[in-house]
Amino acid sequence: MIMKNLMFTAGRVLLTFSMTGCAAVLGWHLWSFYMEAPWTRDAHVRADIIRLAPDVSGPVAEVLVSDNAQVEKGTPLFRIETDRFELALREAEAQVTATRAAAELAKTDFERYQLLASKEAASLKERQYAESRMYQAEAAYQSALVARDLARLNLERTTVRAPASGAITNFSLRRGNYVVSGNAVGALVEEESVYVAGYFEETKLPRIHIGDPVTISIMGEAQSVTGRVAGIAAGIEDRERSDNAGSLASVAPTFSWVRLAQRIPVRIEIDDAPKTVRLVAGRTATVSIEQRSNRVALRHPLPSAITP
């Protein structure tokens, strides 16, 4: 009976130590993963955003797309009233006709004075004056051609087209609105430009390399997205320093004992994404980078301790 109680007590102690050891090992691995493994919950989906702005000003005559529409490059988005631009083109074309006639007349006069001067029937001064008028008329004609081309270009720019393929967003333009040249009326999220920006603590940078595979978990999505490290930022802003007019650094005279690791942006290109996952620019993500040591271990497993 005593032996049975001793064995029972020893078993309980052994079980307690085993569970404590397992918990310690598990805790150590979790702590190491949290502190050292290259992963972060501070990541966001990003994309190239193009501001949609007209090149000419005027009232909107027609809106051809709606907000959040998918468009191809060159798709007409909206049109600006063309009346004044058509009139400007007609005026420029009339100016081209007038200056062309003046240039031809000036050239004829020069050729005539040149012939008379060769026969000493006209003075050298008259020939030079005729030559000067010819060059001035030709310059006026070339200037008129440029003005006509500019008027034609402005007329073409009354139709605003998509600069790239993608999705229209923040677009609330209506017919009759007056748009101003250079002022954005919406944005276009360029397709095929979506990537993930992960902000990693600087202490984890030694374990991050270009080309490392990445697992991306978008908040609210059940399926993960795969990608790879495409680039690591070369610099971030130094908040403890500011430049003054004397070109000398102004450094804060304080130093905190608790030093927080800076976060460095890492660009992650997306390799494969399930069709059900909506990669909306701005969404929150968690990214985990597979370390090289893990990949080497998988490709070159350790030899078995027991040799047959």
Protein backbone atom coordinates (compact mmCIF):
# COMPACT_ATOMS: atom_id res chain seq x y z
CA MET A 1 0.00 0.00 0.00
CA ILE A 2 2.83 2.36 0.90
CA MET A 3 4.64 1.55 -2.34
CA LYS A 4 1.49 2.23 -4.30
CA ASN A 5 1.09 5.65 -2.66
CA LEU A 6 4.73 6.48 -3.36
CA MET A 7 4.34 5.56 -7.01
CA PHE A 8 1.16 7.60 -7.25
CA THR A 9 2.88 10.62 -5.67
CA ALA A 10 5.92 10.23 -7.91
CA GLY A 11 3.67 10.04 -10.95
CA ARG A 12 1.91 13.22 -9.96
CA VAL A 13 5.22 15.01 -9.40
CA LEU A 14 6.58 13.75 -12.72
CA LEU A 15 3.42 14.83 -14.52
CA THR A 16 3.61 18.26 -12.88
CA PHE A 17 7.24 18.70 -13.89
CA SER A 18 6.48 17.48 -17.41
CA MET A 19 3.60 19.90 -17.85
CA THR A 20 5.68 22.72 -16.38
CA GLY A 21 8.55 21.90 -18.73
CA CYS A 22 6.25 21.76 -21.75
CA ALA A 23 4.67 25.06 -20.75
CA ALA A 24 8.11 26.62 -20.32
CA VAL A 25 9.29 25.37 -23.71
CA LEU A 26 6.07 26.51 -25.36
CA GLY A 27 6.30 29.87 -23.64
CA TRP A 28 9.91 30.27 -24.72
CA HIS A 29 9.04 29.50 -28.34
CA LEU A 30 6.10 31.88 -28.26
CA TRP A 31 8.25 34.61 -26.72
CA SER A 32 11.00 34.03 -29.29
CA PHE A 33 8.48 34.10 -32.13
CA TYR A 34 6.89 37.29 -30.85
CA MET A 35 10.17 39.08 -30.20
CA GLU A 36 12.40 37.78 -32.98
CA ALA A 37 10.39 36.27 -35.82
CA PRO A 38 9.81 38.69 -38.72
CA TRP A 39 6.07 39.20 -38.49
CA THR A 40 3.86 42.20 -37.84
CA ARG A 41 0.22 43.14 -37.54
CA ASP A 42 1.07 46.67 -38.63
CA ALA A 43 0.59 46.20 -42.37
CA HIS A 44 -1.74 47.68 -44.94
CA VAL A 45 -2.79 47.03 -48.51
CA ARG A 46 -1.47 49.73 -50.82
CA ALA A 47 -1.89 50.60 -54.50
CA ASP A 48 -0.84 53.27 -56.97
CA ILE A 49 -3.44 56.05 -56.87
CA ILE A 50 -3.84 58.39 -59.86
CA ARG A 51 -5.59 61.74 -59.36
CA LEU A 52 -8.25 62.35 -62.00
CA ALA A 53 -8.01 65.99 -63.03
CA PRO A 54 -9.00 67.72 -66.30
CA ASP A 55 -6.39 69.48 -68.39
CA VAL A 56 -8.84 72.24 -69.37
CA SER A 57 -11.51 74.13 -67.43
CA GLY A 58 -15.22 74.34 -68.18
CA PRO A 59 -18.72 73.05 -67.37
CA VAL A 60 -19.24 69.29 -67.48
CA ALA A 61 -21.42 68.29 -70.41
CA GLU A 62 -21.61 64.54 -69.83
CA VAL A 63 -20.54 62.03 -67.17
CA LEU A 64 -19.81 58.62 -68.68
CA VAL A 65 -18.85 56.46 -65.67
CA SER A 66 -20.03 55.99 -62.12
CA ASP A 67 -18.20 55.76 -58.82
CA ASN A 68 -16.36 52.45 -58.19
CA ALA A 69 -16.59 51.49 -61.87
CA GLN A 70 -13.90 49.31 -63.44
CA VAL A 71 -12.40 50.98 -66.51
CA GLU A 72 -9.75 50.23 -69.10
CA LYS A 73 -6.99 52.60 -70.12
CA GLY A 74 -8.35 55.23 -72.50
CA THR A 75 -11.99 54.84 -71.45
CA PRO A 76 -13.84 58.22 -71.60
CA LEU A 77 -14.79 59.30 -68.08
CA PHE A 78 -16.53 62.63 -68.69
CA ARG A 79 -16.73 65.40 -71.25
CA ILE A 80 -16.47 69.17 -70.88
CA GLU A 81 -18.55 71.53 -73.02
CA THR A 82 -16.72 72.08 -76.30
CA ASP A 83 -18.35 75.29 -77.67
CA ARG A 84 -15.63 77.75 -76.74
CA PHE A 85 -12.87 75.31 -77.65
CA GLU A 86 -14.38 74.76 -81.10
CA LEU A 87 -14.56 78.54 -81.59
CA ALA A 88 -10.95 78.88 -80.47
CA LEU A 89 -9.91 76.23 -83.01
CA ARG A 90 -11.80 77.98 -85.82
CA GLU A 91 -10.14 81.27 -84.91
CA ALA A 92 -6.72 79.60 -84.88
CA GLU A 93 -7.35 78.00 -88.27
CA ALA A 94 -8.36 81.38 -89.71
CA GLN A 95 -5.16 82.88 -88.33
CA VAL A 96 -3.18 80.11 -90.01
CA THR A 97 -4.81 80.92 -93.35
CA ALA A 98 -4.10 84.64 -92.99
CA THR A 99 -0.48 84.23 -91.94
CA ARG A 100 0.14 81.65 -94.67
CA ALA A 101 -1.06 84.13 -97.30
CA ALA A 102 1.08 86.89 -95.78
CA ALA A 103 4.12 84.59 -95.74
CA GLU A 104 3.63 83.63 -99.38
CA LEU A 105 3.27 87.29 -100.39
CA ALA A 106 6.38 88.26 -98.45
CA LYS A 107 8.32 85.45 -100.10
CA THR A 108 7.18 86.60 -103.55
CA ASP A 109 8.24 90.18 -102.77
CA PHE A 110 11.65 89.01 -101.61
CA GLU A 111 12.20 86.94 -104.74
CA ARG A 112 11.22 89.95 -106.87
CA TYR A 113 13.54 92.34 -105.02
CA GLN A 114 16.31 89.76 -105.20
CA LEU A 115 15.93 89.61 -108.98
CA LEU A 116 15.83 93.41 -109.27
CA ALA A 117 18.90 93.73 -107.06
CA SER A 118 20.82 91.32 -109.29
CA LYS A 119 20.06 93.65 -112.22
CA GLU A 120 20.89 96.69 -110.09
CA ALA A 121 17.27 97.86 -110.44
CA ALA A 122 16.75 97.81 -106.66
CA SER A 123 19.02 98.80 -103.83
CA LEU A 124 20.61 96.37 -101.38
CA LYS A 125 18.66 98.00 -98.56
CA GLU A 126 15.33 97.29 -100.29
CA ARG A 127 16.31 93.65 -100.81
CA GLN A 128 17.32 93.27 -97.15
CA TYR A 129 14.07 94.88 -96.02
CA ALA A 130 12.08 92.46 -98.20
CA GLU A 131 14.07 89.54 -96.77
CA SER A 132 13.35 90.70 -93.21
CA ARG A 133 9.61 90.93 -93.93
CA MET A 134 9.68 87.42 -95.41
CA TYR A 135 11.28 85.96 -92.25
CA GLN A 136 8.86 87.84 -90.00
CA ALA A 137 5.89 86.58 -92.01
CA GLU A 138 7.22 83.01 -91.87
CA ALA A 139 7.66 83.28 -88.08
CA ALA A 140 4.10 84.56 -87.71
CA TYR A 141 2.87 81.63 -89.80
CA GLN A 142 4.75 79.09 -87.65
CA SER A 143 3.37 80.72 -84.50
CA ALA A 144 -0.15 80.45 -85.93
CA LEU A 145 0.42 76.74 -86.60
CA VAL A 146 1.43 76.21 -82.97
CA ALA A 147 -1.63 78.13 -81.75
CA ARG A 148 -3.85 75.98 -83.97
CA ASP A 149 -2.30 72.76 -82.67
CA LEU A 150 -2.77 73.98 -79.10
CA ALA A 151 -6.41 74.83 -79.78
CA ARG A 152 -6.94 71.38 -81.30
CA LEU A 153 -5.25 69.75 -78.29
CA ASN A 154 -7.46 71.69 -75.87
CA LEU A 155 -10.52 70.55 -77.79
CA GLU A 156 -9.37 66.93 -77.58
CA ARG A 157 -8.72 67.31 -73.85
CA THR A 158 -12.37 68.19 -73.22
CA THR A 159 -12.87 64.42 -73.15
CA VAL A 160 -11.15 63.16 -70.01
CA ARG A 161 -10.01 59.54 -70.34
CA ALA A 162 -8.74 56.96 -67.88
CA PRO A 163 -4.93 57.21 -67.73
CA ALA A 164 -4.66 53.52 -66.78
CA SER A 165 -6.79 50.45 -66.16
CA GLY A 166 -8.29 50.25 -62.70
CA ALA A 167 -11.20 51.24 -60.47
CA ILE A 168 -12.70 54.71 -60.18
CA THR A 169 -13.21 55.88 -56.59
CA ASN A 170 -14.36 59.01 -54.76
CA PHE A 171 -15.99 60.17 -57.99
CA SER A 172 -19.12 62.27 -57.50
CA LEU A 173 -19.00 64.49 -60.60
CA ARG A 174 -22.34 65.57 -62.06
CA ARG A 175 -23.39 67.23 -65.28
CA GLY A 176 -23.22 71.00 -65.00
CA ASN A 177 -20.40 71.02 -62.44
CA TYR A 178 -17.60 73.41 -63.33
CA VAL A 179 -14.22 71.72 -63.30
CA VAL A 180 -10.92 73.56 -63.10
CA SER A 181 -7.74 72.50 -64.87
CA GLY A 182 -5.49 70.56 -62.51
CA ASN A 183 -8.09 70.14 -59.73
CA ALA A 184 -8.86 66.50 -58.96
CA VAL A 185 -12.45 65.30 -59.28
CA GLY A 186 -11.77 61.71 -58.24
CA ALA A 187 -9.13 59.01 -58.13
CA LEU A 188 -8.23 55.86 -60.00
CA VAL A 189 -6.81 52.83 -58.19
CA GLU A 190 -4.51 51.30 -60.77
CA GLU A 191 -4.94 47.58 -61.14
CA GLU A 192 -1.93 45.27 -61.05
CA SER A 193 -0.28 47.78 -58.70
CA VAL A 194 -1.64 46.41 -55.42
CA TYR A 195 0.98 45.52 -52.83
CA VAL A 196 1.29 45.27 -49.05
CA ALA A 197 3.36 47.63 -46.91
CA GLY A 198 4.50 46.00 -43.68
CA TYR A 199 6.05 48.08 -40.90
CA PHE A 200 8.59 45.92 -39.08
CA GLU A 201 10.55 46.71 -35.94
CA GLU A 202 14.17 47.48 -36.73
CA THR A 203 15.29 44.60 -34.50
CA LYS A 204 13.74 42.16 -36.99
CA LEU A 205 15.43 43.55 -40.11
CA PRO A 206 18.41 41.12 -39.98
CA ARG A 207 15.92 38.28 -40.58
CA ILE A 208 14.28 39.94 -43.59
CA HIS A 209 15.75 39.52 -47.08
CA ILE A 210 14.66 40.42 -50.59
CA GLY A 211 12.74 37.53 -52.12
CA ASP A 212 11.65 35.93 -48.84
CA PRO A 213 8.19 34.32 -49.10
CA VAL A 214 5.44 36.00 -47.10
CA THR A 215 2.05 34.90 -45.81
CA ILE A 216 -0.49 37.72 -45.71
CA SER A 217 -3.69 37.60 -43.66
CA ILE A 218 -6.16 40.34 -44.54
CA MET A 219 -8.40 41.37 -41.64
CA GLY A 220 -11.85 39.88 -42.13
CA GLU A 221 -10.75 37.33 -44.75
CA ALA A 222 -10.65 33.60 -44.07
CA GLN A 223 -8.11 32.80 -46.79
CA SER A 224 -4.50 33.93 -46.79
CA VAL A 225 -2.56 35.62 -49.58
CA THR A 226 0.99 34.74 -50.55
CA GLY A 227 3.69 37.19 -51.57
CA ARG A 228 7.39 37.97 -51.40
CA VAL A 229 9.60 40.71 -50.03
CA ALA A 230 10.26 43.19 -52.85
CA GLY A 231 12.07 45.99 -51.05
CA ILE A 232 13.10 47.50 -47.73
CA ALA A 233 12.91 51.25 -47.14
CA ALA A 234 16.26 53.03 -47.27
CA GLY A 235 15.32 55.64 -44.69
CA ILE A 236 12.66 57.02 -42.36
CA GLU A 237 12.15 60.40 -40.74
CA ASP A 238 14.27 61.23 -37.69
CA ARG A 239 11.81 62.80 -35.26
CA GLU A 240 14.57 63.75 -32.82
CA ARG A 241 16.26 66.05 -35.32
CA SER A 242 15.26 69.12 -37.29
CA ASP A 243 17.24 71.28 -39.70
CA ASN A 244 17.46 75.02 -39.20
CA ALA A 245 18.38 77.90 -41.47
CA GLY A 246 22.04 77.58 -40.49
CA SER A 247 22.15 74.03 -41.93
CA LEU A 248 23.11 72.67 -38.50
CA ALA A 249 21.20 69.81 -36.92
CA SER A 250 18.90 70.66 -34.03
CA VAL A 251 18.78 67.66 -31.68
CA ALA A 252 16.43 67.29 -28.71
CA PRO A 253 18.43 67.51 -25.42
CA THR A 254 16.47 64.69 -23.79
CA PHE A 255 16.99 60.93 -23.90
CA SER A 256 14.36 58.45 -22.80
CA TRP A 257 15.38 55.32 -20.92
CA VAL A 258 12.67 53.31 -22.63
CA ARG A 259 13.68 53.15 -26.28
CA LEU A 260 11.06 51.91 -28.70
CA ALA A 261 12.25 50.19 -31.85
CA GLN A 262 11.63 52.18 -35.01
CA ARG A 263 9.37 50.63 -37.60
CA ILE A 264 10.79 50.24 -41.10
CA PRO A 265 8.49 49.96 -44.16
CA VAL A 266 8.91 46.75 -46.15
CA ARG A 267 7.26 46.42 -49.57
CA ILE A 268 5.65 43.05 -50.24
CA GLU A 269 4.56 42.12 -53.75
CA ILE A 270 1.54 39.83 -54.01
CA ASP A 271 2.13 36.57 -55.88
CA ASP A 272 -1.20 34.84 -55.52
CA ALA A 273 -4.52 35.98 -54.07
CA PRO A 274 -7.79 34.03 -54.00
CA LYS A 275 -10.53 35.62 -56.05
CA THR A 276 -12.72 35.83 -52.96
CA VAL A 277 -10.23 38.12 -51.19
CA ARG A 278 -10.89 41.79 -51.92
CA LEU A 279 -7.60 43.67 -51.98
CA VAL A 280 -8.94 47.11 -51.17
CA ALA A 281 -6.25 49.76 -50.74
CA GLY A 282 -6.06 50.70 -47.08
CA ARG A 283 -7.16 47.37 -45.60
CA THR A 284 -5.34 46.10 -42.52
CA ALA A 285 -3.20 42.98 -42.75
CA THR A 286 -0.93 40.74 -40.74
CA VAL A 287 2.21 39.52 -42.51
CA SER A 288 4.62 36.76 -41.56
CA ILE A 289 7.92 36.27 -43.39
CA GLU A 290 9.38 32.80 -43.71
CA GLN A 291 12.95 32.88 -42.44
CA ARG A 292 15.79 31.51 -44.53
CA SER A 293 16.95 29.18 -41.77
CA ASN A 294 13.57 27.47 -41.82
CA ARG A 295 13.71 26.98 -45.59
CA VAL A 296 17.23 25.55 -45.42
CA ALA A 297 16.14 23.12 -42.71
CA LEU A 298 13.27 21.94 -44.85
CA ARG A 299 15.45 21.47 -47.94
CA HIS A 300 18.34 19.84 -46.01
CA PRO A 301 16.91 17.82 -43.08
CA LEU A 302 19.27 16.65 -40.37
CA PRO A 303 20.45 13.02 -40.70
CA SER A 304 18.75 10.48 -38.53
CA ALA A 305 20.40 9.77 -35.17
CA ILE A 306 19.97 6.01 -35.71
CA THR A 307 21.80 4.59 -38.71
CA PRO A 308 20.32 1.37 -39.98
